[in-house]
Amino acid sequence: MMDDRHYMQKALLLAETAAANGEVPVGALVVLPDGREFAGHNAPITLHDPSAHAEMRAMRAACAAVGNYRLNDATLYVTLEPCTMCAGAIVHARIGRVVYGADDPKTGAVTSLYQILADHRLNHQPTVTSGVMADECSALLKNFFRRRRQNRGTVAN
């Protein structure tokens, strides 16, 4: 089986696609036990859909492919710690394992702000691995927001 860095690199490429589209650069990849991969990147602005987070889009694609809303034993790779919405969907989909890169101190719902995926009051707790390629994931986000702040003062002709 390929390692976590391999899949996180793919998620980073998806995040770069999001950034190129003017979206917050987050990429996600669902890998099923049989090796099939389903990709998603942030697109809430493009799709006019507040639920079009990278994780949600990757999970939707995987669920459609398997014909079930459950993704037992699947692994979700995502460049940024999932938010509350995505963490809730991860629990409902019964994702077996979540691997993420950068922590999100403002909206992270896995370890930073909330610990939804470890809450034993819920009926499912996936295994979590954090910090995979965290420096690369964080740098992509920081550079995106730095460019966005710099461009605020730029006036188009």
N, C-alpha and C. Protein backbone atom coordinates (compact mmCIF):
# COMPACT_ATOMS: atom_id res chain seq x y z
N MET A 1 0.85 -1.19 0.00
CA MET A 1 0.00 0.00 0.00
C MET A 1 0.88 1.24 0.00
N MET A 2 0.48 2.23 -0.74
CA MET A 2 1.25 3.46 -0.80
C MET A 2 1.15 4.19 0.53
N ASP A 3 2.13 5.02 0.81
CA ASP A 3 2.15 5.68 2.11
C ASP A 3 1.34 6.97 2.13
N ASP A 4 1.16 7.50 3.33
CA ASP A 4 0.35 8.69 3.52
C ASP A 4 0.89 9.90 2.77
N ARG A 5 2.19 10.03 2.69
CA ARG A 5 2.78 11.17 1.98
C ARG A 5 2.40 11.15 0.49
N HIS A 6 2.36 9.98 -0.09
CA HIS A 6 1.98 9.85 -1.50
C HIS A 6 0.59 10.43 -1.75
N TYR A 7 -0.36 10.03 -0.92
CA TYR A 7 -1.73 10.50 -1.10
C TYR A 7 -1.87 11.97 -0.70
N MET A 8 -1.13 12.40 0.31
CA MET A 8 -1.20 13.81 0.69
C MET A 8 -0.63 14.69 -0.41
N GLN A 9 0.37 14.20 -1.13
CA GLN A 9 0.90 14.96 -2.26
C GLN A 9 -0.18 15.14 -3.32
N LYS A 10 -0.97 14.11 -3.55
CA LYS A 10 -2.08 14.23 -4.49
C LYS A 10 -3.11 15.24 -4.00
N ALA A 11 -3.38 15.21 -2.70
CA ALA A 11 -4.32 16.18 -2.12
C ALA A 11 -3.79 17.60 -2.26
N LEU A 12 -2.48 17.78 -2.11
CA LEU A 12 -1.87 19.10 -2.29
C LEU A 12 -2.04 19.60 -3.72
N LEU A 13 -1.92 18.72 -4.69
CA LEU A 13 -2.14 19.12 -6.09
C LEU A 13 -3.58 19.58 -6.29
N LEU A 14 -4.51 18.91 -5.64
CA LEU A 14 -5.92 19.32 -5.71
C LEU A 14 -6.11 20.69 -5.05
N ALA A 15 -5.42 20.91 -3.94
CA ALA A 15 -5.49 22.20 -3.27
C ALA A 15 -4.96 23.32 -4.17
N GLU A 16 -3.92 23.02 -4.92
CA GLU A 16 -3.39 24.01 -5.86
C GLU A 16 -4.40 24.35 -6.94
N THR A 17 -5.18 23.36 -7.36
CA THR A 17 -6.25 23.60 -8.34
C THR A 17 -7.28 24.54 -7.75
N ALA A 18 -7.65 24.32 -6.48
CA ALA A 18 -8.60 25.21 -5.81
C ALA A 18 -8.06 26.64 -5.79
N ALA A 19 -6.80 26.79 -5.43
CA ALA A 19 -6.19 28.12 -5.37
C ALA A 19 -6.20 28.79 -6.74
N ALA A 20 -5.91 28.04 -7.78
CA ALA A 20 -5.92 28.59 -9.14
C ALA A 20 -7.31 29.08 -9.53
N ASN A 21 -8.34 28.52 -8.91
CA ASN A 21 -9.72 28.93 -9.17
C ASN A 21 -10.20 30.01 -8.21
N GLY A 22 -9.29 30.53 -7.38
CA GLY A 22 -9.65 31.57 -6.43
C GLY A 22 -10.31 31.05 -5.16
N GLU A 23 -10.26 29.75 -4.95
CA GLU A 23 -10.84 29.13 -3.77
C GLU A 23 -9.75 28.92 -2.72
N VAL A 24 -10.16 28.83 -1.46
CA VAL A 24 -9.20 28.50 -0.40
C VAL A 24 -8.58 27.15 -0.75
N PRO A 25 -7.25 27.08 -0.76
CA PRO A 25 -6.57 25.88 -1.26
C PRO A 25 -6.62 24.68 -0.30
N VAL A 26 -7.68 23.92 -0.44
CA VAL A 26 -7.84 22.68 0.31
C VAL A 26 -8.15 21.59 -0.70
N GLY A 27 -7.45 20.47 -0.57
CA GLY A 27 -7.68 19.32 -1.43
C GLY A 27 -7.92 18.09 -0.59
N ALA A 28 -8.72 17.17 -1.13
CA ALA A 28 -9.03 15.94 -0.40
C ALA A 28 -9.09 14.76 -1.36
N LEU A 29 -8.80 13.61 -0.81
CA LEU A 29 -8.80 12.37 -1.58
C LEU A 29 -9.37 11.26 -0.70
N VAL A 30 -10.39 10.58 -1.19
CA VAL A 30 -10.90 9.39 -0.52
C VAL A 30 -10.29 8.20 -1.23
N VAL A 31 -9.66 7.32 -0.45
CA VAL A 31 -9.07 6.11 -1.00
C VAL A 31 -9.83 4.93 -0.40
N LEU A 32 -10.45 4.14 -1.28
CA LEU A 32 -11.20 2.97 -0.85
C LEU A 32 -10.26 1.79 -0.62
N PRO A 33 -10.70 0.79 0.13
CA PRO A 33 -9.84 -0.37 0.39
C PRO A 33 -9.37 -1.07 -0.89
N ASP A 34 -10.16 -0.96 -1.97
CA ASP A 34 -9.77 -1.61 -3.23
C ASP A 34 -8.81 -0.75 -4.06
N GLY A 35 -8.44 0.42 -3.52
CA GLY A 35 -7.47 1.28 -4.19
C GLY A 35 -8.07 2.38 -5.04
N ARG A 36 -9.38 2.37 -5.26
CA ARG A 36 -9.97 3.46 -6.03
C ARG A 36 -9.85 4.77 -5.27
N GLU A 37 -9.64 5.84 -6.03
CA GLU A 37 -9.44 7.17 -5.45
C GLU A 37 -10.49 8.13 -5.99
N PHE A 38 -10.96 9.01 -5.08
CA PHE A 38 -11.97 10.00 -5.45
C PHE A 38 -11.51 11.35 -4.91
N ALA A 39 -11.38 12.30 -5.80
CA ALA A 39 -10.76 13.58 -5.48
C ALA A 39 -11.80 14.68 -5.31
N GLY A 40 -11.40 15.67 -4.53
CA GLY A 40 -12.21 16.87 -4.37
C GLY A 40 -11.32 18.03 -3.97
N HIS A 41 -11.71 19.21 -4.39
CA HIS A 41 -11.03 20.42 -3.93
C HIS A 41 -12.09 21.45 -3.58
N ASN A 42 -11.73 22.41 -2.78
CA ASN A 42 -12.68 23.43 -2.38
C ASN A 42 -13.28 24.12 -3.58
N ALA A 43 -14.61 24.33 -3.54
CA ALA A 43 -15.29 25.04 -4.63
C ALA A 43 -16.58 25.73 -4.17
N PRO A 44 -16.68 26.20 -2.92
CA PRO A 44 -17.92 26.84 -2.52
C PRO A 44 -18.21 28.13 -3.28
N ILE A 45 -17.18 28.89 -3.63
CA ILE A 45 -17.38 30.13 -4.37
C ILE A 45 -17.83 29.81 -5.80
N THR A 46 -17.09 28.94 -6.44
CA THR A 46 -17.36 28.57 -7.83
C THR A 46 -18.74 27.94 -7.99
N LEU A 47 -19.10 27.06 -7.07
CA LEU A 47 -20.36 26.33 -7.18
C LEU A 47 -21.52 27.00 -6.45
N HIS A 48 -21.24 28.13 -5.79
CA HIS A 48 -22.28 28.82 -5.00
C HIS A 48 -22.92 27.85 -4.02
N ASP A 49 -22.06 27.11 -3.31
CA ASP A 49 -22.51 26.05 -2.43
C ASP A 49 -21.63 26.03 -1.18
N PRO A 50 -22.17 26.44 -0.03
CA PRO A 50 -21.36 26.46 1.18
C PRO A 50 -20.89 25.09 1.63
N SER A 51 -21.48 24.03 1.11
CA SER A 51 -21.05 22.69 1.49
C SER A 51 -20.04 22.08 0.52
N ALA A 52 -19.58 22.85 -0.44
CA ALA A 52 -18.66 22.32 -1.46
C ALA A 52 -17.20 22.36 -0.98
N HIS A 53 -17.00 21.86 0.24
CA HIS A 53 -15.63 21.71 0.75
C HIS A 53 -14.98 20.51 0.08
N ALA A 54 -13.68 20.50 0.08
CA ALA A 54 -12.92 19.43 -0.58
C ALA A 54 -13.34 18.06 -0.07
N GLU A 55 -13.46 17.91 1.24
CA GLU A 55 -13.81 16.62 1.83
C GLU A 55 -15.20 16.17 1.38
N MET A 56 -16.13 17.11 1.40
CA MET A 56 -17.51 16.79 1.03
C MET A 56 -17.58 16.34 -0.43
N ARG A 57 -16.86 17.03 -1.29
CA ARG A 57 -16.89 16.68 -2.71
C ARG A 57 -16.25 15.32 -2.97
N ALA A 58 -15.15 15.02 -2.27
CA ALA A 58 -14.50 13.72 -2.44
C ALA A 58 -15.40 12.61 -1.89
N MET A 59 -16.03 12.85 -0.74
CA MET A 59 -16.92 11.83 -0.17
C MET A 59 -18.15 11.61 -1.05
N ARG A 60 -18.71 12.69 -1.59
CA ARG A 60 -19.87 12.55 -2.49
C ARG A 60 -19.51 11.69 -3.70
N ALA A 61 -18.35 11.93 -4.28
CA ALA A 61 -17.93 11.17 -5.46
C ALA A 61 -17.74 9.69 -5.11
N ALA A 62 -17.12 9.43 -3.96
CA ALA A 62 -16.89 8.04 -3.55
C ALA A 62 -18.21 7.34 -3.25
N CYS A 63 -19.11 8.01 -2.55
CA CYS A 63 -20.41 7.42 -2.23
C CYS A 63 -21.20 7.11 -3.50
N ALA A 64 -21.17 8.02 -4.45
CA ALA A 64 -21.88 7.79 -5.72
C ALA A 64 -21.30 6.58 -6.44
N ALA A 65 -19.99 6.44 -6.40
CA ALA A 65 -19.34 5.33 -7.11
C ALA A 65 -19.66 3.98 -6.48
N VAL A 66 -19.73 3.94 -5.15
CA VAL A 66 -20.00 2.66 -4.49
C VAL A 66 -21.49 2.42 -4.31
N GLY A 67 -22.32 3.44 -4.55
CA GLY A 67 -23.76 3.28 -4.42
C GLY A 67 -24.21 3.14 -2.98
N ASN A 68 -23.52 3.84 -2.08
CA ASN A 68 -23.85 3.74 -0.66
C ASN A 68 -23.35 5.01 0.03
N TYR A 69 -24.05 5.45 1.05
CA TYR A 69 -23.59 6.62 1.78
C TYR A 69 -22.55 6.28 2.83
N ARG A 70 -22.26 5.01 2.98
CA ARG A 70 -21.24 4.56 3.93
C ARG A 70 -19.95 4.25 3.19
N LEU A 71 -18.86 4.68 3.78
CA LEU A 71 -17.53 4.45 3.20
C LEU A 71 -16.66 3.73 4.22
N ASN A 72 -17.19 2.62 4.71
CA ASN A 72 -16.46 1.83 5.71
C ASN A 72 -15.07 1.48 5.21
N ASP A 73 -14.10 1.64 6.07
CA ASP A 73 -12.70 1.27 5.80
C ASP A 73 -12.02 2.16 4.77
N ALA A 74 -12.67 3.23 4.32
CA ALA A 74 -12.01 4.18 3.42
C ALA A 74 -11.11 5.10 4.23
N THR A 75 -10.13 5.67 3.55
CA THR A 75 -9.26 6.67 4.16
C THR A 75 -9.47 7.99 3.45
N LEU A 76 -9.64 9.04 4.24
CA LEU A 76 -9.79 10.39 3.71
C LEU A 76 -8.50 11.15 3.98
N TYR A 77 -7.88 11.65 2.92
CA TYR A 77 -6.69 12.50 3.02
C TYR A 77 -7.13 13.92 2.72
N VAL A 78 -6.77 14.85 3.59
CA VAL A 78 -7.16 16.25 3.37
C VAL A 78 -6.04 17.15 3.86
N THR A 79 -5.80 18.23 3.14
CA THR A 79 -4.67 19.10 3.43
C THR A 79 -4.87 19.96 4.67
N LEU A 80 -6.12 20.18 5.07
CA LEU A 80 -6.43 21.02 6.22
C LEU A 80 -7.38 20.27 7.16
N GLU A 81 -7.19 20.43 8.43
CA GLU A 81 -8.05 19.81 9.44
C GLU A 81 -9.52 20.09 9.11
N PRO A 82 -10.36 19.07 9.05
CA PRO A 82 -11.77 19.26 8.71
C PRO A 82 -12.52 20.16 9.70
N CYS A 83 -13.52 20.86 9.17
CA CYS A 83 -14.40 21.72 9.95
C CYS A 83 -15.53 20.87 10.56
N THR A 84 -16.42 21.52 11.29
CA THR A 84 -17.52 20.78 11.93
C THR A 84 -18.43 20.10 10.91
N MET A 85 -18.74 20.77 9.81
CA MET A 85 -19.60 20.17 8.80
C MET A 85 -18.96 18.91 8.23
N CYS A 86 -17.71 19.02 7.86
CA CYS A 86 -17.02 17.88 7.25
C CYS A 86 -16.80 16.76 8.27
N ALA A 87 -16.50 17.13 9.51
CA ALA A 87 -16.32 16.11 10.55
C ALA A 87 -17.62 15.34 10.77
N GLY A 88 -18.75 16.04 10.76
CA GLY A 88 -20.03 15.38 10.90
C GLY A 88 -20.29 14.41 9.76
N ALA A 89 -19.98 14.83 8.54
CA ALA A 89 -20.16 13.96 7.38
C ALA A 89 -19.23 12.75 7.44
N ILE A 90 -18.03 12.95 7.95
CA ILE A 90 -17.07 11.84 8.10
C ILE A 90 -17.65 10.79 9.05
N VAL A 91 -18.23 11.23 10.14
CA VAL A 91 -18.85 10.31 11.10
C VAL A 91 -20.01 9.57 10.44
N HIS A 92 -20.90 10.30 9.76
CA HIS A 92 -22.06 9.68 9.12
C HIS A 92 -21.65 8.71 8.03
N ALA A 93 -20.58 9.01 7.31
CA ALA A 93 -20.12 8.12 6.23
C ALA A 93 -19.34 6.93 6.75
N ARG A 94 -18.99 6.95 8.01
CA ARG A 94 -18.21 5.88 8.65
C ARG A 94 -16.83 5.71 8.02
N ILE A 95 -16.23 6.86 7.64
CA ILE A 95 -14.86 6.82 7.13
C ILE A 95 -14.00 6.12 8.18
N GLY A 96 -13.15 5.19 7.75
CA GLY A 96 -12.35 4.44 8.70
C GLY A 96 -11.16 5.19 9.25
N ARG A 97 -10.58 6.05 8.41
CA ARG A 97 -9.36 6.74 8.81
C ARG A 97 -9.32 8.11 8.16
N VAL A 98 -8.88 9.11 8.92
CA VAL A 98 -8.72 10.47 8.41
C VAL A 98 -7.26 10.86 8.59
N VAL A 99 -6.66 11.35 7.52
CA VAL A 99 -5.28 11.82 7.54
C VAL A 99 -5.31 13.26 7.06
N TYR A 100 -4.80 14.17 7.89
CA TYR A 100 -4.78 15.56 7.44
C TYR A 100 -3.42 16.19 7.67
N GLY A 101 -3.21 17.30 6.95
CA GLY A 101 -1.93 17.99 7.00
C GLY A 101 -1.89 19.07 8.05
N ALA A 102 -2.39 20.25 7.72
CA ALA A 102 -2.28 21.41 8.61
C ALA A 102 -3.43 21.48 9.60
N ASP A 103 -3.09 21.89 10.83
CA ASP A 103 -4.12 22.17 11.82
C ASP A 103 -4.85 23.45 11.42
N ASP A 104 -6.10 23.57 11.87
CA ASP A 104 -6.88 24.78 11.63
C ASP A 104 -7.36 25.32 12.97
N PRO A 105 -6.59 26.23 13.57
CA PRO A 105 -6.94 26.72 14.91
C PRO A 105 -8.24 27.51 14.95
N LYS A 106 -8.72 28.01 13.82
CA LYS A 106 -9.95 28.81 13.81
C LYS A 106 -11.22 27.98 13.66
N THR A 107 -11.17 26.93 12.84
CA THR A 107 -12.39 26.16 12.60
C THR A 107 -12.18 24.65 12.65
N GLY A 108 -11.02 24.20 13.05
CA GLY A 108 -10.72 22.76 13.06
C GLY A 108 -11.58 22.00 14.05
N ALA A 109 -12.16 20.90 13.58
CA ALA A 109 -13.09 20.13 14.40
C ALA A 109 -12.58 18.73 14.71
N VAL A 110 -11.27 18.50 14.51
CA VAL A 110 -10.69 17.19 14.81
C VAL A 110 -9.84 17.28 16.07
N THR A 111 -8.97 18.28 16.15
CA THR A 111 -8.13 18.45 17.34
C THR A 111 -8.07 19.89 17.82
N SER A 112 -8.12 20.86 16.92
CA SER A 112 -7.83 22.25 17.27
C SER A 112 -8.90 22.94 18.11
N LEU A 113 -10.11 23.02 17.59
CA LEU A 113 -11.19 23.74 18.26
C LEU A 113 -12.18 22.77 18.90
N TYR A 114 -12.54 21.75 18.14
CA TYR A 114 -13.43 20.68 18.62
C TYR A 114 -12.74 19.35 18.38
N GLN A 115 -13.25 18.32 18.98
CA GLN A 115 -12.72 16.96 18.80
C GLN A 115 -13.86 16.02 18.41
N ILE A 116 -14.57 16.38 17.37
CA ILE A 116 -15.76 15.63 16.96
C ILE A 116 -15.43 14.18 16.63
N LEU A 117 -14.32 13.94 15.96
CA LEU A 117 -14.02 12.58 15.53
C LEU A 117 -13.60 11.66 16.68
N ALA A 118 -13.33 12.23 17.84
CA ALA A 118 -12.96 11.42 19.01
C ALA A 118 -14.07 11.38 20.04
N ASP A 119 -15.20 11.97 19.74
CA ASP A 119 -16.31 12.06 20.71
C ASP A 119 -17.02 10.72 20.81
N HIS A 120 -16.89 10.06 21.96
CA HIS A 120 -17.47 8.73 22.14
C HIS A 120 -18.98 8.75 22.33
N ARG A 121 -19.56 9.95 22.38
CA ARG A 121 -21.03 10.03 22.40
C ARG A 121 -21.60 9.77 21.01
N LEU A 122 -20.76 9.89 20.00
CA LEU A 122 -21.18 9.62 18.63
C LEU A 122 -20.97 8.14 18.33
N ASN A 123 -21.64 7.66 17.29
CA ASN A 123 -21.62 6.21 17.01
C ASN A 123 -20.44 5.75 16.17
N HIS A 124 -19.50 6.64 15.85
CA HIS A 124 -18.34 6.23 15.06
C HIS A 124 -17.18 7.16 15.37
N GLN A 125 -16.00 6.60 15.53
CA GLN A 125 -14.77 7.36 15.72
C GLN A 125 -13.70 6.80 14.79
N PRO A 126 -13.40 7.52 13.71
CA PRO A 126 -12.34 7.05 12.82
C PRO A 126 -10.97 7.21 13.48
N THR A 127 -10.02 6.49 12.97
CA THR A 127 -8.62 6.68 13.35
C THR A 127 -8.16 7.97 12.70
N VAL A 128 -7.37 8.76 13.41
CA VAL A 128 -6.90 10.04 12.88
C VAL A 128 -5.38 10.09 12.92
N THR A 129 -4.80 10.54 11.82
CA THR A 129 -3.38 10.84 11.73
C THR A 129 -3.26 12.29 11.29
N SER A 130 -2.61 13.10 12.08
CA SER A 130 -2.49 14.52 11.74
C SER A 130 -1.04 14.88 11.46
N GLY A 131 -0.85 16.01 10.81
CA GLY A 131 0.48 16.55 10.58
C GLY A 131 1.24 15.97 9.41
N VAL A 132 0.57 15.22 8.54
CA VAL A 132 1.26 14.66 7.38
C VAL A 132 1.51 15.78 6.37
N MET A 133 2.75 16.06 6.10
CA MET A 133 3.17 17.14 5.21
C MET A 133 2.59 18.48 5.67
N ALA A 134 2.51 18.65 6.97
CA ALA A 134 1.90 19.86 7.56
C ALA A 134 2.58 21.13 7.07
N ASP A 135 3.90 21.14 6.96
CA ASP A 135 4.60 22.35 6.53
C ASP A 135 4.19 22.75 5.12
N GLU A 136 4.10 21.78 4.23
CA GLU A 136 3.73 22.05 2.85
C GLU A 136 2.27 22.52 2.76
N CYS A 137 1.40 21.86 3.49
CA CYS A 137 -0.02 22.22 3.49
C CYS A 137 -0.22 23.62 4.05
N SER A 138 0.46 23.91 5.15
CA SER A 138 0.35 25.22 5.79
C SER A 138 0.92 26.32 4.89
N ALA A 139 2.05 26.05 4.26
CA ALA A 139 2.67 27.05 3.38
C ALA A 139 1.75 27.41 2.22
N LEU A 140 1.08 26.44 1.65
CA LEU A 140 0.16 26.71 0.55
C LEU A 140 -0.96 27.65 1.00
N LEU A 141 -1.51 27.39 2.17
CA LEU A 141 -2.58 28.25 2.71
C LEU A 141 -2.05 29.65 3.03
N LYS A 142 -0.92 29.73 3.71
CA LYS A 142 -0.36 31.03 4.09
C LYS A 142 -0.04 31.87 2.86
N ASN A 143 0.56 31.25 1.85
CA ASN A 143 0.89 31.99 0.62
C ASN A 143 -0.37 32.46 -0.09
N PHE A 144 -1.40 31.65 -0.11
CA PHE A 144 -2.68 32.03 -0.74
C PHE A 144 -3.25 33.27 -0.06
N PHE A 145 -3.33 33.25 1.26
CA PHE A 145 -3.91 34.38 1.97
C PHE A 145 -3.01 35.61 1.93
N ARG A 146 -1.71 35.42 1.89
CA ARG A 146 -0.79 36.55 1.74
C ARG A 146 -1.03 37.24 0.39
N ARG A 147 -1.13 36.46 -0.67
CA ARG A 147 -1.40 37.03 -2.01
C ARG A 147 -2.77 37.73 -2.02
N ARG A 148 -3.74 37.13 -1.39
CA ARG A 148 -5.08 37.72 -1.36
C ARG A 148 -5.05 39.08 -0.66
N ARG A 149 -4.33 39.18 0.47
CA ARG A 149 -4.23 40.45 1.18
C ARG A 149 -3.49 41.49 0.34
N GLN A 150 -2.43 41.06 -0.35
CA GLN A 150 -1.66 41.99 -1.18
C GLN A 150 -2.50 42.50 -2.34
N ASN A 151 -3.34 41.65 -2.89
CA ASN A 151 -4.15 42.02 -4.05
C ASN A 151 -5.35 42.89 -3.71
N ARG A 152 -5.69 42.97 -2.42
CA ARG A 152 -6.82 43.81 -2.01
C ARG A 152 -6.59 45.26 -2.40
N GLY A 153 -5.35 45.71 -2.29
CA GLY A 153 -5.04 47.10 -2.61
C GLY A 153 -4.85 47.34 -4.09
N THR A 154 -4.81 46.29 -4.89
CA THR A 154 -4.60 46.44 -6.33
C THR A 154 -5.91 46.78 -7.01
N VAL A 155 -5.88 47.82 -7.84
CA VAL A 155 -7.07 48.23 -8.58
C VAL A 155 -6.87 47.82 -10.04
N ALA A 156 -7.87 47.13 -10.58
CA ALA A 156 -7.79 46.71 -11.99
C ALA A 156 -8.07 47.90 -12.89
N ASN A 157 -7.39 47.96 -14.01
CA ASN A 157 -7.62 49.04 -15.00
C ASN A 157 -8.77 48.73 -15.90
